[in-house]
Amino acid sequence: MVEAAVPTIAFTILWLTTRELRLALAISVSVAVVLLLVRLVQRSSVQFVVNALVGIGIGWLFVARSAASGGSEQEQALAYFLPGILYNSGYAVVLAVTCLIGWPVVGFMVGSVTGDPTAWHDDKQVVKLCTRLTWLLALPCLLRVLVQAPIWLAGNAGSVDPDAAVAALGVLKVVLGWPLQLAALGAMVWVLARNHTPMGQPAG
């Protein structure tokens, strides 16, 4: 959670206080690199730091694209948050489609554990359970889009002060990040723990 949040917080604060976009981007990258070095020294997993660096890199590309098309500094700062909104939109759509067509993603996760990727689909109860779990997995992505997209659009349209939009998006990216994801995973565990799963029902 810290590794995902700190670079975003650094970018947001530096942009709002210095108005130097490249400095804000450079510091956010530097913070992520420091976190990466700490992980390497500890000989622990670097996965989440690398994820953060990839996210920053993609954000940087969107900023550069905005600059190349003549976007203002405010528009460039807002562009930094666009990849996350697009990613969550795509992820939510994919998960929703798998539920609507009756082949929920969580079912394939179950299949990867059992060794048969599609056998779970023969049991309607298992399909129903996996559909519920997949919707719970999609919910954080959907909420992020529903909350962040209107702010991003309003900031770009000028109906909301761009700096206020950047500040709000920076806070929301942290608040709606891992805390929301953990809440969704907790809900999934609760559903499984209710003892109403097909595997947990008593015979007769």
Protein backbone atom coordinates (compact mmCIF):
# COMPACT_ATOMS: atom_id res chain seq x y z
CA MET A 1 0.00 0.00 0.00
CA VAL A 2 2.83 2.41 0.86
CA GLU A 3 4.72 1.61 -2.33
CA ALA A 4 1.62 2.33 -4.41
CA ALA A 5 0.63 5.48 -2.51
CA VAL A 6 3.86 7.40 -1.84
CA PRO A 7 4.84 8.16 -5.48
CA THR A 8 1.31 9.44 -6.21
CA ILE A 9 1.30 11.58 -3.07
CA ALA A 10 4.73 12.99 -3.96
CA PHE A 11 3.60 13.86 -7.50
CA THR A 12 0.39 15.54 -6.31
CA ILE A 13 1.98 17.61 -3.54
CA LEU A 14 4.92 18.76 -5.66
CA TRP A 15 2.73 19.76 -8.59
CA LEU A 16 0.37 21.75 -6.36
CA THR A 17 3.19 23.48 -4.47
CA THR A 18 5.78 24.08 -7.19
CA ARG A 19 3.78 23.97 -10.44
CA GLU A 20 6.82 22.22 -11.93
CA LEU A 21 5.40 19.20 -13.73
CA ARG A 22 8.72 17.60 -14.69
CA LEU A 23 10.03 18.04 -11.15
CA ALA A 24 6.91 16.37 -9.76
CA LEU A 25 7.30 13.46 -12.17
CA ALA A 26 11.04 13.13 -11.48
CA ILE A 27 10.56 13.10 -7.71
CA SER A 28 7.77 10.52 -7.92
CA VAL A 29 10.09 8.28 -9.97
CA SER A 30 12.96 8.90 -7.52
CA VAL A 31 10.77 7.93 -4.57
CA ALA A 32 9.76 4.71 -6.31
CA VAL A 33 13.41 3.92 -7.13
CA VAL A 34 14.39 4.44 -3.47
CA LEU A 35 11.61 2.05 -2.42
CA LEU A 36 12.90 -0.42 -5.01
CA LEU A 37 16.44 -0.20 -3.60
CA VAL A 38 15.09 -0.79 -0.10
CA ARG A 39 13.33 -3.92 -1.33
CA LEU A 40 16.49 -5.15 -3.04
CA VAL A 41 18.56 -4.60 0.11
CA GLN A 42 15.93 -6.49 2.12
CA ARG A 43 15.89 -9.22 -0.55
CA SER A 44 12.10 -9.10 -0.58
CA SER A 45 9.58 -8.96 -3.40
CA VAL A 46 9.93 -5.98 -5.74
CA GLN A 47 6.66 -6.69 -7.55
CA PHE A 48 4.64 -3.80 -6.15
CA VAL A 49 7.43 -1.26 -6.54
CA VAL A 50 7.88 -2.33 -10.15
CA ASN A 51 4.12 -2.01 -10.65
CA ALA A 52 4.32 1.54 -9.30
CA LEU A 53 7.22 2.38 -11.61
CA VAL A 54 5.35 1.01 -14.63
CA GLY A 55 2.33 3.07 -13.66
CA ILE A 56 4.43 6.22 -13.37
CA GLY A 57 6.09 5.48 -16.72
CA ILE A 58 2.75 5.12 -18.46
CA GLY A 59 1.52 8.30 -16.78
CA TRP A 60 4.64 10.07 -18.01
CA LEU A 61 3.89 8.95 -21.58
CA PHE A 62 0.39 10.40 -21.35
CA VAL A 63 1.83 13.66 -20.01
CA ALA A 64 4.28 13.79 -22.93
CA ARG A 65 1.46 13.10 -25.38
CA SER A 66 -0.59 15.92 -23.87
CA ALA A 67 2.39 18.26 -24.11
CA ALA A 68 3.03 17.29 -27.74
CA SER A 69 -0.58 18.08 -28.63
CA GLY A 70 -0.30 21.54 -27.08
CA GLY A 71 -1.97 20.85 -23.75
CA SER A 72 -1.54 23.32 -20.93
CA GLU A 73 0.43 22.40 -17.79
CA GLN A 74 -2.86 21.76 -15.99
CA GLU A 75 -4.01 19.46 -18.79
CA GLN A 76 -0.67 17.65 -18.68
CA ALA A 77 -0.97 17.16 -14.92
CA LEU A 78 -4.47 15.75 -15.38
CA ALA A 79 -3.18 13.46 -18.14
CA TYR A 80 -1.00 11.73 -15.53
CA PHE A 81 -4.17 10.24 -13.98
CA LEU A 82 -5.86 9.21 -17.23
CA PRO A 83 -4.14 5.78 -17.64
CA GLY A 84 -5.46 4.61 -14.27
CA ILE A 85 -9.02 5.58 -15.21
CA LEU A 86 -8.73 3.85 -18.59
CA TYR A 87 -7.18 0.74 -17.01
CA ASN A 88 -9.94 0.42 -14.43
CA SER A 89 -12.59 0.99 -17.11
CA GLY A 90 -11.18 -1.79 -19.27
CA TYR A 91 -10.71 -4.15 -16.34
CA ALA A 92 -14.29 -3.57 -15.11
CA VAL A 93 -15.71 -4.14 -18.60
CA VAL A 94 -13.76 -7.38 -19.09
CA LEU A 95 -14.81 -8.76 -15.69
CA ALA A 96 -18.44 -7.74 -16.26
CA VAL A 97 -18.54 -9.36 -19.71
CA THR A 98 -17.20 -12.66 -18.35
CA CYS A 99 -20.03 -12.64 -15.79
CA LEU A 100 -22.70 -11.74 -18.34
CA ILE A 101 -21.70 -14.52 -20.73
CA GLY A 102 -21.58 -17.07 -17.91
CA TRP A 103 -17.83 -17.64 -17.81
CA PRO A 104 -16.69 -15.56 -14.80
CA VAL A 105 -12.94 -15.00 -14.41
CA VAL A 106 -12.85 -16.41 -10.88
CA GLY A 107 -13.98 -19.74 -12.32
CA PHE A 108 -10.76 -19.97 -14.31
CA MET A 109 -8.83 -19.20 -11.13
CA VAL A 110 -10.58 -22.17 -9.53
CA GLY A 111 -9.77 -24.24 -12.59
CA SER A 112 -6.09 -23.37 -12.38
CA VAL A 113 -6.03 -24.72 -8.82
CA THR A 114 -7.96 -27.92 -9.57
CA GLY A 115 -5.96 -28.64 -12.71
CA ASP A 116 -8.96 -28.59 -15.06
CA PRO A 117 -9.57 -25.05 -16.40
CA THR A 118 -13.22 -25.61 -17.41
CA ALA A 119 -14.65 -28.47 -15.30
CA TRP A 120 -16.09 -25.97 -12.79
CA HIS A 121 -18.49 -24.72 -15.49
CA ASP A 122 -20.43 -28.01 -15.39
CA ASP A 123 -21.75 -27.16 -11.91
CA LYS A 124 -24.32 -24.34 -11.96
CA GLN A 125 -23.82 -23.64 -8.25
CA VAL A 126 -20.10 -23.17 -8.74
CA VAL A 127 -20.75 -20.88 -11.73
CA LYS A 128 -23.15 -18.82 -9.60
CA LEU A 129 -20.61 -18.55 -6.78
CA CYS A 130 -17.78 -17.60 -9.15
CA THR A 131 -20.02 -14.98 -10.77
CA ARG A 132 -20.66 -13.33 -7.39
CA LEU A 133 -16.96 -13.35 -6.59
CA THR A 134 -16.08 -11.89 -9.98
CA TRP A 135 -18.59 -9.05 -9.53
CA LEU A 136 -16.96 -8.29 -6.16
CA LEU A 137 -13.57 -8.25 -7.92
CA ALA A 138 -14.92 -5.82 -10.51
CA LEU A 139 -16.61 -3.50 -8.02
CA PRO A 140 -13.46 -1.54 -6.96
CA CYS A 141 -12.60 -0.82 -10.60
CA LEU A 142 -16.13 0.33 -11.32
CA LEU A 143 -16.21 2.60 -8.26
CA ARG A 144 -12.88 4.18 -9.19
CA VAL A 145 -14.16 5.02 -12.65
CA LEU A 146 -17.51 6.34 -11.41
CA VAL A 147 -15.79 8.62 -8.89
CA GLN A 148 -12.63 9.68 -10.74
CA ALA A 149 -13.82 10.01 -14.35
CA PRO A 150 -16.30 12.87 -13.71
CA ILE A 151 -13.61 14.81 -11.81
CA TRP A 152 -11.08 14.27 -14.60
CA LEU A 153 -13.58 15.35 -17.26
CA ALA A 154 -14.64 18.40 -15.24
CA GLY A 155 -11.01 19.43 -14.72
CA ASN A 156 -10.27 19.17 -18.43
CA ALA A 157 -13.45 21.03 -19.37
CA GLY A 158 -12.66 23.86 -16.93
CA SER A 159 -15.90 23.47 -14.99
CA VAL A 160 -13.76 22.53 -11.98
CA ASP A 161 -10.46 24.22 -11.13
CA PRO A 162 -7.75 21.96 -12.69
CA ASP A 163 -5.55 22.16 -9.58
CA ALA A 164 -8.50 21.11 -7.42
CA ALA A 165 -9.15 18.23 -9.82
CA VAL A 166 -5.49 17.13 -9.64
CA ALA A 167 -5.58 17.27 -5.83
CA ALA A 168 -8.83 15.28 -5.70
CA LEU A 169 -7.54 12.67 -8.15
CA GLY A 170 -4.31 12.29 -6.19
CA VAL A 171 -6.20 11.68 -2.95
CA LEU A 172 -8.75 9.38 -4.57
CA LYS A 173 -6.08 7.31 -6.30
CA VAL A 174 -4.66 6.50 -2.87
CA VAL A 175 -7.96 6.11 -1.00
CA LEU A 176 -9.58 4.03 -3.73
CA GLY A 177 -6.43 1.98 -4.34
CA TRP A 178 -5.32 -0.82 -2.05
CA PRO A 179 -7.79 -0.01 0.79
CA LEU A 180 -10.72 -0.53 -1.59
CA GLN A 181 -9.09 -3.61 -3.12
CA LEU A 182 -8.56 -5.14 0.31
CA ALA A 183 -12.20 -4.40 1.19
CA ALA A 184 -13.32 -6.25 -1.95
CA LEU A 185 -11.07 -9.22 -1.13
CA GLY A 186 -12.47 -9.20 2.41
CA ALA A 187 -16.01 -9.34 0.99
CA MET A 188 -14.97 -12.27 -1.21
CA VAL A 189 -13.60 -14.11 1.82
CA TRP A 190 -16.85 -13.37 3.70
CA VAL A 191 -18.90 -14.87 0.86
CA LEU A 192 -16.74 -18.00 0.90
CA ALA A 193 -16.90 -18.22 4.70
CA ARG A 194 -20.71 -18.19 4.85
CA ASN A 195 -20.64 -21.96 4.34
CA HIS A 196 -23.10 -21.73 1.44
CA THR A 197 -20.64 -22.75 -1.22
CA PRO A 198 -21.38 -25.95 -3.16
CA MET A 199 -18.29 -27.61 -1.71
CA GLY A 200 -19.27 -26.74 1.85
CA GLN A 201 -22.90 -27.89 1.89
CA PRO A 202 -23.69 -31.01 3.94
CA ALA A 203 -25.00 -34.01 2.04
CA GLY A 204 -28.75 -34.70 2.14
